[in-house]
Each structure stands twice: as C-alpha cells, then as structure tokens.
Amino acid sequence: MGFLSFLRRNKRDNSAETRRELLLKHGRIADATIIDSEINDAGQEIAHYIYSIHGVDFESSDILTEEQRLDPLKYAPGAGVTVRFDPRNHGNSVLV
C-alpha cells in the first residue's frame, strides 16, 4: 500500500453502536462474571464484568441495552454472563 493509498483509505466508523454490532456479529465468545453495576448521571445502567482469555484476566464495562435491563437478575453482581470480544484486541468486548 502506497502512502497516498493510505491517506485515501476509508475511515471506519468507531461509534459505540457500530462497535457493538461488529462484536456481536464477528466477536469470539467467552464467559464472564458481573462484578458490579451502577447507574450513571444519564440514567444508563452500566455493568462491570471480568473475563479470562488464555489465562489473562480482562475487566471491562458495558452500558446495558433496554432489553438487557428487563432482566435485572441476569446482570446482577455475581451472575455469570456471556461476552463477545475482538480476537485482535481481547480487551474490546460487549455483553451478550
């Protein structure tokens, strides 16, 4: 790839919705455990979770969707959940 081609390449949309869609479609699956949850100033519920890939622990958080908020016990602290993560960046994940 030449230098001009590099400058002309299409920029990827890194919005949260696009990132979530890509991970849900192409991400690898792992088991996680909810460690905490909170409600931010905007009224969104955020779940903090931990998961392990190849013996390395990752801690992350995700804003729960309306559908996920309908099942509060599934995302309560201590609950086992599923995440999808980016195989090229294991720290990039979303709750399923």
C-alpha atoms as a PDB file:
ATOM      1  CA  MET A   1       0.000   0.000   0.000  1.00  0.00           C
ATOM      2  CA  GLY A   2       1.475   3.313  -1.043  1.00  0.00           C
ATOM      3  CA  PHE A   3       1.458   6.427   1.062  1.00  0.00           C
ATOM      4  CA  LEU A   4      -1.317   8.086  -0.974  1.00  0.00           C
ATOM      5  CA  SER A   5      -3.448   4.958  -0.773  1.00  0.00           C
ATOM      6  CA  PHE A   6      -3.015   5.024   2.982  1.00  0.00           C
ATOM      7  CA  LEU A   7      -4.303   8.608   3.129  1.00  0.00           C
ATOM      8  CA  ARG A   8      -7.248   7.861   0.828  1.00  0.00           C
ATOM      9  CA  ARG A   9      -8.447   4.710   2.580  1.00  0.00           C
ATOM     10  CA  ASN A  10     -11.944   4.694   4.002  1.00  0.00           C
ATOM     11  CA  LYS A  11     -12.167   5.648   7.632  1.00  0.00           C
ATOM     12  CA  ARG A  12     -14.032   3.157   9.794  1.00  0.00           C
ATOM     13  CA  ASP A  13     -16.931   4.356  11.895  1.00  0.00           C
ATOM     14  CA  ASN A  14     -15.906   3.810  15.523  1.00  0.00           C
ATOM     15  CA  SER A  15     -19.197   4.778  17.113  1.00  0.00           C
ATOM     16  CA  ALA A  16     -20.407   2.698  20.035  1.00  0.00           C
ATOM     17  CA  GLU A  17     -23.317   1.242  18.041  1.00  0.00           C
ATOM     18  CA  THR A  18     -21.083   0.164  15.167  1.00  0.00           C
ATOM     19  CA  ARG A  19     -18.532  -1.349  17.554  1.00  0.00           C
ATOM     20  CA  ARG A  20     -21.306  -3.268  19.344  1.00  0.00           C
ATOM     21  CA  GLU A  21     -22.774  -4.552  16.052  1.00  0.00           C
ATOM     22  CA  LEU A  22     -19.368  -5.718  14.806  1.00  0.00           C
ATOM     23  CA  LEU A  23     -18.546  -7.517  18.048  1.00  0.00           C
ATOM     24  CA  LEU A  24     -21.955  -9.198  18.218  1.00  0.00           C
ATOM     25  CA  LYS A  25     -21.570 -10.379  14.625  1.00  0.00           C
ATOM     26  CA  HIS A  26     -17.862 -11.304  14.491  1.00  0.00           C
ATOM     27  CA  GLY A  27     -16.604 -11.440  18.087  1.00  0.00           C
ATOM     28  CA  ARG A  28     -15.448 -14.571  19.849  1.00  0.00           C
ATOM     29  CA  ILE A  29     -17.467 -15.837  22.799  1.00  0.00           C
ATOM     30  CA  ALA A  30     -16.237 -16.031  26.401  1.00  0.00           C
ATOM     31  CA  ASP A  31     -17.761 -16.479  29.851  1.00  0.00           C
ATOM     32  CA  ALA A  32     -17.714 -13.531  32.234  1.00  0.00           C
ATOM     33  CA  THR A  33     -18.840 -12.641  35.730  1.00  0.00           C
ATOM     34  CA  ILE A  34     -20.596  -9.418  36.675  1.00  0.00           C
ATOM     35  CA  ILE A  35     -18.629  -7.744  39.467  1.00  0.00           C
ATOM     36  CA  ASP A  36     -20.634  -4.526  39.922  1.00  0.00           C
ATOM     37  CA  SER A  37     -23.296  -2.342  38.374  1.00  0.00           C
ATOM     38  CA  GLU A  38     -24.155   1.333  38.619  1.00  0.00           C
ATOM     39  CA  ILE A  39     -26.427   3.940  37.105  1.00  0.00           C
ATOM     40  CA  ASN A  40     -24.670   6.953  35.584  1.00  0.00           C
ATOM     41  CA  ASP A  41     -25.863  10.578  35.516  1.00  0.00           C
ATOM     42  CA  ALA A  42     -27.699   9.958  32.220  1.00  0.00           C
ATOM     43  CA  GLY A  43     -29.766   7.165  33.828  1.00  0.00           C
ATOM     44  CA  GLN A  44     -27.975   4.389  31.947  1.00  0.00           C
ATOM     45  CA  GLU A  45     -27.132   1.193  33.808  1.00  0.00           C
ATOM     46  CA  ILE A  46     -23.509   0.144  33.482  1.00  0.00           C
ATOM     47  CA  ALA A  47     -22.421  -3.407  34.266  1.00  0.00           C
ATOM     48  CA  HIS A  48     -18.773  -4.039  35.183  1.00  0.00           C
ATOM     49  CA  TYR A  49     -17.528  -7.543  34.438  1.00  0.00           C
ATOM     50  CA  ILE A  50     -14.426  -9.696  34.333  1.00  0.00           C
ATOM     51  CA  TYR A  51     -13.462 -12.456  31.886  1.00  0.00           C
ATOM     52  CA  SER A  52     -10.392 -14.519  31.125  1.00  0.00           C
ATOM     53  CA  ILE A  53      -8.771 -15.210  27.734  1.00  0.00           C
ATOM     54  CA  HIS A  54      -5.774 -17.604  27.573  1.00  0.00           C
ATOM     55  CA  GLY A  55      -5.174 -17.154  31.296  1.00  0.00           C
ATOM     56  CA  VAL A  56      -5.228 -13.347  31.190  1.00  0.00           C
ATOM     57  CA  ASP A  57      -7.991 -11.559  33.095  1.00  0.00           C
ATOM     58  CA  PHE A  58      -9.746  -8.600  31.495  1.00  0.00           C
ATOM     59  CA  GLU A  59     -12.040  -6.194  33.309  1.00  0.00           C
ATOM     60  CA  SER A  60     -14.485  -4.113  31.310  1.00  0.00           C
ATOM     61  CA  SER A  61     -17.884  -2.447  31.453  1.00  0.00           C
ATOM     62  CA  ASP A  62     -20.828  -2.051  29.132  1.00  0.00           C
ATOM     63  CA  ILE A  63     -23.979   0.041  29.090  1.00  0.00           C
ATOM     64  CA  LEU A  64     -26.945  -2.300  29.279  1.00  0.00           C
ATOM     65  CA  THR A  65     -29.482  -2.142  26.466  1.00  0.00           C
ATOM     66  CA  GLU A  66     -33.189  -1.740  27.204  1.00  0.00           C
ATOM     67  CA  GLU A  67     -33.657  -5.458  26.526  1.00  0.00           C
ATOM     68  CA  GLN A  68     -30.906  -6.355  29.000  1.00  0.00           C
ATOM     69  CA  ARG A  69     -32.364  -4.047  31.652  1.00  0.00           C
ATOM     70  CA  LEU A  70     -35.613  -6.039  31.543  1.00  0.00           C
ATOM     71  CA  ASP A  71     -33.797  -8.995  33.174  1.00  0.00           C
ATOM     72  CA  PRO A  72     -32.034  -7.440  36.209  1.00  0.00           C
ATOM     73  CA  LEU A  73     -31.133 -10.770  37.837  1.00  0.00           C
ATOM     74  CA  LYS A  74     -29.163 -11.859  34.783  1.00  0.00           C
ATOM     75  CA  TYR A  75     -26.867  -8.818  35.148  1.00  0.00           C
ATOM     76  CA  ALA A  76     -26.696  -8.661  38.958  1.00  0.00           C
ATOM     77  CA  PRO A  77     -23.288  -8.792  40.674  1.00  0.00           C
ATOM     78  CA  GLY A  78     -22.016 -12.377  40.814  1.00  0.00           C
ATOM     79  CA  ALA A  79     -24.052 -13.505  37.810  1.00  0.00           C
ATOM     80  CA  GLY A  80     -22.395 -15.474  35.025  1.00  0.00           C
ATOM     81  CA  VAL A  81     -22.851 -13.906  31.588  1.00  0.00           C
ATOM     82  CA  THR A  82     -21.541 -14.230  28.051  1.00  0.00           C
ATOM     83  CA  VAL A  83     -19.391 -11.653  26.291  1.00  0.00           C
ATOM     84  CA  ARG A  84     -18.175 -11.289  22.752  1.00  0.00           C
ATOM     85  CA  PHE A  85     -14.653  -9.974  22.336  1.00  0.00           C
ATOM     86  CA  ASP A  86     -12.438  -8.839  19.491  1.00  0.00           C
ATOM     87  CA  PRO A  87      -9.864 -11.601  18.803  1.00  0.00           C
ATOM     88  CA  ARG A  88      -7.320  -8.941  17.775  1.00  0.00           C
ATOM     89  CA  ASN A  89      -7.927  -6.818  20.893  1.00  0.00           C
ATOM     90  CA  HIS A  90      -9.111  -9.017  23.757  1.00  0.00           C
ATOM     91  CA  GLY A  91      -9.927  -6.009  25.921  1.00  0.00           C
ATOM     92  CA  ASN A  92     -12.623  -4.862  23.469  1.00  0.00           C
ATOM     93  CA  SER A  93     -15.829  -6.648  24.462  1.00  0.00           C
ATOM     94  CA  VAL A  94     -19.598  -6.353  24.898  1.00  0.00           C
ATOM     95  CA  LEU A  95     -22.158  -8.196  26.982  1.00  0.00           C
ATOM     96  CA  VAL A  96     -24.440 -10.553  25.083  1.00  0.00           C
END
